[in-house]
Amino acid sequence: MQHLTGLTIIHDTAITNTFT
Protein backbone atom coordinates (compact mmCIF):
# COMPACT_ATOMS: atom_id res chain seq x y z
CA MET A 1 0.00 0.00 0.00
CA GLN A 2 2.79 2.40 0.91
CA HIS A 3 4.43 1.87 -2.47
CA LEU A 4 1.11 2.59 -4.20
CA THR A 5 0.73 5.81 -2.23
CA GLY A 6 4.25 6.89 -3.19
CA LEU A 7 3.46 6.28 -6.83
CA THR A 8 0.32 8.36 -6.54
CA ILE A 9 2.26 11.25 -5.03
CA ILE A 10 4.86 11.04 -7.81
CA HIS A 11 2.13 10.88 -10.44
CA ASP A 12 0.37 13.91 -8.91
CA THR A 13 3.64 15.82 -8.88
CA ALA A 14 4.24 14.93 -12.53
CA ILE A 15 0.79 16.22 -13.45
CA THR A 16 1.40 19.46 -11.56
CA ASN A 17 4.74 19.87 -13.33
CA THR A 18 3.05 19.42 -16.69
CA PHE A 19 0.44 22.05 -15.88
CA THR A 20 2.98 24.46 -14.47
C-alpha atoms as a PDB file:
ATOM      1  CA  MET A   1       0.000   0.000   0.000  1.00  0.00           C
ATOM      2  CA  GLN A   2       2.788   2.402   0.913  1.00  0.00           C
ATOM      3  CA  HIS A   3       4.430   1.866  -2.470  1.00  0.00           C
ATOM      4  CA  LEU A   4       1.115   2.591  -4.199  1.00  0.00           C
ATOM      5  CA  THR A   5       0.732   5.810  -2.225  1.00  0.00           C
ATOM      6  CA  GLY A   6       4.247   6.891  -3.185  1.00  0.00           C
ATOM      7  CA  LEU A   7       3.462   6.279  -6.832  1.00  0.00           C
ATOM      8  CA  THR A   8       0.318   8.357  -6.537  1.00  0.00           C
ATOM      9  CA  ILE A   9       2.257  11.251  -5.032  1.00  0.00           C
ATOM     10  CA  ILE A  10       4.862  11.040  -7.805  1.00  0.00           C
ATOM     11  CA  HIS A  11       2.127  10.884 -10.439  1.00  0.00           C
ATOM     12  CA  ASP A  12       0.366  13.907  -8.912  1.00  0.00           C
ATOM     13  CA  THR A  13       3.637  15.825  -8.883  1.00  0.00           C
ATOM     14  CA  ALA A  14       4.243  14.933 -12.526  1.00  0.00           C
ATOM     15  CA  ILE A  15       0.789  16.220 -13.454  1.00  0.00           C
ATOM     16  CA  THR A  16       1.405  19.455 -11.562  1.00  0.00           C
ATOM     17  CA  ASN A  17       4.742  19.871 -13.325  1.00  0.00           C
ATOM     18  CA  THR A  18       3.055  19.423 -16.694  1.00  0.00           C
ATOM     19  CA  PHE A  19       0.440  22.048 -15.878  1.00  0.00           C
ATOM     20  CA  THR A  20       2.980  24.459 -14.469  1.00  0.00           C
END
